[in-house]
Protein backbone atom coordinates (compact mmCIF):
# COMPACT_ATOMS: atom_id res chain seq x y z
CA MET A 1 -4.22 35.24 -21.08
CA ILE A 2 -1.90 37.32 -18.90
CA SER A 3 0.61 34.46 -18.51
CA ALA A 4 0.48 33.55 -22.20
CA ILE A 5 3.24 36.02 -22.98
CA ASN A 6 5.44 34.39 -20.32
CA ARG A 7 5.12 31.04 -22.10
CA LEU A 8 5.70 32.73 -25.45
CA ILE A 9 9.10 34.06 -24.39
CA GLY A 10 10.10 30.65 -22.96
CA GLN A 11 9.82 31.30 -19.23
CA THR A 12 10.31 28.19 -17.09
CA PRO A 13 6.94 26.90 -15.78
CA VAL A 14 6.29 27.84 -12.16
CA ALA A 15 6.53 25.11 -9.51
CA SER A 16 5.92 26.97 -6.23
CA GLU A 17 2.90 28.27 -4.37
CA HIS A 18 3.82 31.96 -4.41
CA GLY A 19 5.13 31.76 -7.98
CA GLU A 20 1.66 32.11 -9.50
CA LEU A 21 1.29 35.64 -8.14
CA LEU A 22 4.81 36.51 -9.27
CA ASP A 23 4.15 35.18 -12.77
CA HIS A 24 0.90 37.15 -12.89
CA MET A 25 2.83 40.34 -12.13
CA LEU A 26 5.52 39.47 -14.68
CA GLY A 27 2.84 38.81 -17.29
CA LEU A 28 1.36 42.26 -16.69
CA VAL A 29 4.80 43.84 -17.00
CA HIS A 30 5.54 41.95 -20.22
CA TRP A 31 2.21 42.96 -21.80
CA PHE A 32 2.74 46.55 -20.68
CA MET A 33 6.24 46.64 -22.17
CA LEU A 34 4.94 45.09 -25.40
CA PHE A 35 2.25 47.78 -25.58
CA LEU A 36 4.86 50.50 -25.04
CA PHE A 37 7.18 48.95 -27.63
CA ILE A 38 4.46 48.85 -30.27
CA GLY A 39 3.18 52.34 -29.41
CA TRP A 40 6.57 54.03 -29.41
CA SER A 41 7.61 52.15 -32.57
CA ILE A 42 4.53 53.45 -34.38
CA PHE A 43 5.25 56.95 -33.10
CA LEU A 44 8.88 56.68 -34.24
CA CYS A 45 7.83 55.58 -37.73
CA TYR A 46 5.32 58.46 -37.85
CA CYS A 47 8.09 60.92 -36.93
CA PHE A 48 10.34 59.51 -39.66
CA TYR A 49 7.58 60.07 -42.19
CA ARG A 50 6.11 63.32 -40.86
CA PHE A 51 9.40 65.10 -40.43
CA ARG A 52 11.33 63.68 -43.40
CA VAL A 53 13.76 66.02 -45.10
CA ALA A 54 11.65 66.27 -48.27
CA LYS A 55 8.84 67.97 -46.30
CA ASN A 56 11.02 69.75 -43.77
CA PRO A 57 14.21 70.94 -45.48
CA LYS A 58 14.91 73.31 -42.60
CA ALA A 59 15.31 71.82 -39.13
CA SER A 60 13.21 73.14 -36.24
CA TYR A 61 14.74 73.14 -32.76
CA SER A 62 11.70 74.32 -30.81
CA GLY A 63 10.51 70.78 -29.96
CA ALA A 64 6.96 69.48 -29.55
CA GLY A 65 4.27 72.06 -29.04
CA HIS A 66 1.69 69.87 -27.31
CA SER A 67 1.50 67.96 -24.00
CA ALA A 68 0.71 64.45 -25.31
CA SER A 69 4.24 63.17 -24.64
CA LYS A 70 4.16 64.42 -21.05
CA GLN A 71 0.75 62.86 -20.47
CA ILE A 72 1.96 59.51 -21.79
CA GLU A 73 4.95 59.60 -19.46
CA ILE A 74 2.66 60.36 -16.51
CA GLY A 75 0.49 57.38 -17.50
CA VAL A 76 3.55 55.13 -17.57
CA VAL A 77 4.52 56.26 -14.06
CA ILE A 78 0.99 55.57 -12.78
CA VAL A 79 0.97 52.03 -14.22
CA GLU A 80 4.41 51.32 -12.74
CA ALA A 81 3.22 52.57 -9.36
CA ILE A 82 0.20 50.24 -9.54
CA LEU A 83 2.47 47.29 -10.32
CA LEU A 84 4.75 48.11 -7.39
CA LEU A 85 2.09 48.96 -4.79
CA GLY A 86 -0.48 46.41 -5.91
CA PHE A 87 1.71 43.39 -6.66
CA ALA A 88 5.44 43.70 -5.93
CA PHE A 89 5.32 45.20 -2.42
CA PRO A 90 2.63 42.84 -1.02
CA LEU A 91 4.45 39.82 -2.45
CA TRP A 92 7.79 41.00 -1.06
CA SER A 93 6.21 41.68 2.34
CA ARG A 94 4.67 38.20 2.48
CA GLN A 95 7.87 36.41 1.51
CA SER A 96 10.15 38.48 3.74
CA ALA A 97 8.06 38.48 6.92
CA ASP A 98 5.51 35.66 6.96
CA TYR A 99 7.85 32.71 7.39
CA PRO A 100 6.02 29.40 7.93
CA THR A 101 6.10 27.66 11.29
CA GLY A 102 5.11 24.26 12.60
CA PRO A 103 6.36 20.67 12.49
CA ASN A 104 5.66 20.36 8.76
CA VAL A 105 8.29 22.96 7.82
CA LEU A 106 11.47 21.56 6.30
CA LYS A 107 14.63 23.39 7.41
CA MET A 108 17.88 23.14 5.48
CA ARG A 109 21.05 25.02 4.62
CA ALA A 110 22.64 25.78 1.23
CA LEU A 111 26.36 26.57 1.34
CA GLY A 112 28.01 27.92 -1.79
CA GLU A 113 31.67 27.86 -2.72
CA LYS A 114 33.69 28.14 -5.90
CA PHE A 115 32.13 26.40 -7.75
CA LEU A 116 29.54 24.08 -6.20
CA TRP A 117 26.61 23.87 -3.77
CA ASN A 118 26.32 21.67 -0.68
CA PHE A 119 22.99 21.11 1.11
CA GLN A 120 22.56 20.32 4.82
CA TYR A 121 19.28 18.95 6.21
CA ALA A 122 17.91 19.15 9.75
CA GLY A 123 17.40 15.40 10.15
CA ASP A 124 14.70 13.62 12.15
CA ASP A 125 14.61 16.20 14.97
CA SER A 126 13.71 18.99 12.46
CA ASN A 127 16.28 21.28 14.13
CA LEU A 128 19.09 22.52 11.93
CA GLY A 129 22.48 22.49 13.61
CA ILE A 130 24.74 25.53 14.02
CA TRP A 131 27.42 26.28 11.47
CA ASN A 132 30.45 28.50 11.85
CA PRO A 133 33.05 29.46 9.20
CA ARG A 134 35.79 28.80 11.75
CA TYR A 135 34.92 25.09 11.71
CA LEU A 136 35.27 24.75 7.95
CA ASP A 137 37.51 21.90 6.87
CA ALA A 138 37.63 20.86 3.21
CA VAL A 139 38.07 17.16 4.13
CA ASN A 140 36.46 16.53 7.51
CA ASN A 141 33.88 19.31 7.82
CA PRO A 142 33.05 20.94 4.46
CA MET A 143 29.86 22.52 5.85
CA GLY A 144 31.50 24.09 8.92
CA ARG A 145 29.13 22.26 11.28
CA ASP A 146 29.41 22.70 15.04
CA MET A 147 29.68 19.06 16.06
CA ALA A 148 29.08 19.95 19.72
CA ASP A 149 25.60 21.28 18.94
CA PRO A 150 23.02 18.66 19.97
CA ASN A 151 20.59 19.88 17.30
CA GLY A 152 23.05 18.87 14.61
CA LYS A 153 23.68 15.29 15.75
CA ASP A 154 21.35 13.83 13.12
CA ASP A 155 21.93 16.44 10.40
CA PHE A 156 23.17 15.16 7.08
CA VAL A 157 24.74 16.70 3.98
CA ASN A 158 23.77 15.99 0.39
CA PRO A 159 26.29 17.55 -2.00
CA GLY A 160 25.17 18.70 -5.43
CA THR A 161 21.47 17.85 -5.11
CA MET A 162 18.70 19.68 -3.27
CA LYS A 163 15.94 17.17 -2.59
CA LEU A 164 12.58 18.49 -1.42
CA PRO A 165 9.08 17.11 -0.76
CA VAL A 166 6.17 18.48 -2.75
CA GLY A 167 3.53 20.38 -0.78
CA ARG A 168 5.70 21.17 2.28
CA PRO A 169 7.05 24.65 3.15
CA VAL A 170 10.83 24.87 2.95
CA ILE A 171 13.06 27.38 4.74
CA VAL A 172 16.56 27.58 3.29
CA SER A 173 19.46 29.22 5.15
CA VAL A 174 21.92 30.48 2.54
CA ALA A 175 25.61 31.20 3.17
CA SER A 176 28.96 31.21 1.37
CA LYS A 177 32.47 29.99 2.10
CA ASP A 178 34.36 32.45 -0.09
CA VAL A 179 32.78 35.07 -2.39
CA ILE A 180 29.24 36.27 -3.09
CA HIS A 181 27.11 33.64 -4.82
CA ASN A 182 23.37 33.50 -5.45
CA LEU A 183 21.16 30.47 -4.94
CA ALA A 184 18.75 30.75 -7.89
CA LEU A 185 15.82 28.31 -8.01
CA VAL A 186 14.08 29.47 -11.18
CA PRO A 187 11.00 27.17 -11.15
CA MET A 188 10.40 28.10 -7.50
CA ARG A 189 10.67 31.81 -8.35
CA ALA A 190 13.12 32.14 -5.47
CA ALA A 191 16.68 33.43 -5.24
CA GLN A 192 18.90 34.55 -2.39
CA ASP A 193 22.43 35.96 -2.26
CA ALA A 194 25.00 33.87 -0.42
CA THR A 195 27.33 36.38 1.22
CA PRO A 196 30.46 35.50 3.23
CA GLY A 197 29.90 36.15 6.94
CA VAL A 198 26.12 36.55 6.53
CA THR A 199 23.34 33.96 6.87
CA ALA A 200 20.31 34.85 4.74
CA HIS A 201 17.00 33.00 4.45
CA MET A 202 14.30 32.33 1.91
CA TRP A 203 11.21 30.13 1.85
CA PHE A 204 8.77 28.64 -0.61
CA THR A 205 6.39 25.70 -1.02
CA PRO A 206 6.96 23.37 -4.01
CA THR A 207 3.78 22.43 -5.89
CA LYS A 208 5.15 20.12 -8.59
CA THR A 209 7.45 17.13 -8.70
CA GLY A 210 10.34 17.16 -11.13
CA THR A 211 14.03 17.86 -11.60
CA TRP A 212 15.58 21.21 -12.50
CA ASP A 213 18.95 22.96 -12.44
CA VAL A 214 20.11 25.01 -9.47
CA ILE A 215 22.30 27.82 -10.72
CA CYS A 216 24.42 30.62 -9.30
CA GLY A 217 22.78 33.94 -10.13
CA GLN A 218 25.81 36.07 -9.17
CA LEU A 219 29.02 36.32 -11.20
CA CYS A 220 31.50 34.65 -8.85
CA GLY A 221 34.60 33.81 -10.87
CA PRO A 222 35.90 31.93 -13.92
CA GLY A 223 33.88 28.79 -13.08
CA HIS A 224 30.59 30.65 -12.57
CA ALA A 225 28.87 29.10 -15.60
CA GLN A 226 29.63 25.58 -14.33
CA MET A 227 28.36 26.22 -10.78
CA LYS A 228 25.24 24.10 -11.04
CA ALA A 229 23.42 21.59 -8.87
CA GLN A 230 20.17 19.65 -9.14
CA LEU A 231 16.81 20.51 -7.60
CA GLU A 232 14.68 17.38 -7.20
CA VAL A 233 11.12 17.63 -5.86
CA MET A 234 9.63 14.26 -4.95
CA LEU A 235 6.56 12.81 -3.27
CA PRO A 236 6.44 13.28 0.54
CA GLU A 237 6.65 9.56 1.31
CA GLU A 238 9.69 9.17 -0.93
CA PHE A 239 11.38 12.16 0.70
CA ASP A 240 10.59 10.92 4.22
CA ALA A 241 12.10 7.51 3.50
CA TRP A 242 15.23 9.06 2.00
CA SER A 243 15.55 11.63 4.82
CA LYS A 244 15.14 9.00 7.54
CA GLU A 245 17.85 6.83 6.01
CA MET A 246 20.24 9.77 5.54
CA SER A 247 19.56 11.11 9.05
CA ALA A 248 20.34 7.73 10.63
CA SER A 249 23.52 7.50 8.59
CA GLY A 250 24.50 11.04 9.57
CA ALA A 251 23.93 10.40 13.27
CA GLU A 252 25.97 7.20 13.06
CA LYS A 253 28.86 9.01 11.40
CA VAL A 254 28.86 11.78 14.01
CA ALA A 255 28.87 9.19 16.81
CA LYS A 256 31.81 7.36 15.23
CA ASP A 257 33.77 10.56 14.70
CA GLN A 258 33.24 11.63 18.30
CA ALA A 259 34.13 8.19 19.68
CA ALA A 260 37.30 7.84 17.61
CA PRO A 261 39.58 10.03 19.79
CA VAL A 262 38.39 8.26 22.98
CA THR A 263 39.14 4.86 21.48
CA ALA A 264 42.55 5.99 20.32
CA SER A 265 43.53 7.38 23.73
CA ALA A 266 42.42 4.18 25.50
CA ALA A 267 44.52 1.95 23.25
CA PRO A 268 47.72 0.55 24.82
């Protein structure tokens, strides 16, 4: 019943573990705002009728003589405090502090730039390599990876599509090459600003398979509306097979790139 109003206004169905609690809070807010809208609309119509010029030819500037309006405002404040203290703060605390740990956690990086998203995965060792803006190279190193970092040897990059396994916690490191962007994953009820010079994090657990749009939730320039990518949540076995193949390919590419200068210097 509470979430019915969310569906009525066309809200994207939730696809993450924590999203149910967030949708429950949003449903309460939407019902509360609908109640206020109807109540204040009725009161406004009453005022139009009660104080029409035909019955009150002379204006009165003394204002209301009773405390009902003040009591209603106090009630609104109390309800808002309940929503904040009972739902918003606990949810924020859980998502900002209780990051998942363990071998089942998928670690990845989302790097925004005008006007696209690139996604880096930790590879088979589950350790995400270091990145540094100083290493950025549009052709050879678009993610700014530190190729000397052993944790990044088997990392791989998947431009334009964020692929995730259903049922596994995901920690996403979010950064930007140029201006402030925002990685907005609407069905996951998760969003995080991508700020130049700052690495931010967010986490969630997908609960449904499917494909959705990844958008930029921060006005970032003339191509902002076209800054989209794909979010694809698949079965764990499908993701593992894809990740293993991409990780092997990534490790092979790093090995070739690192061996190339040695080969060139040894040539006659």
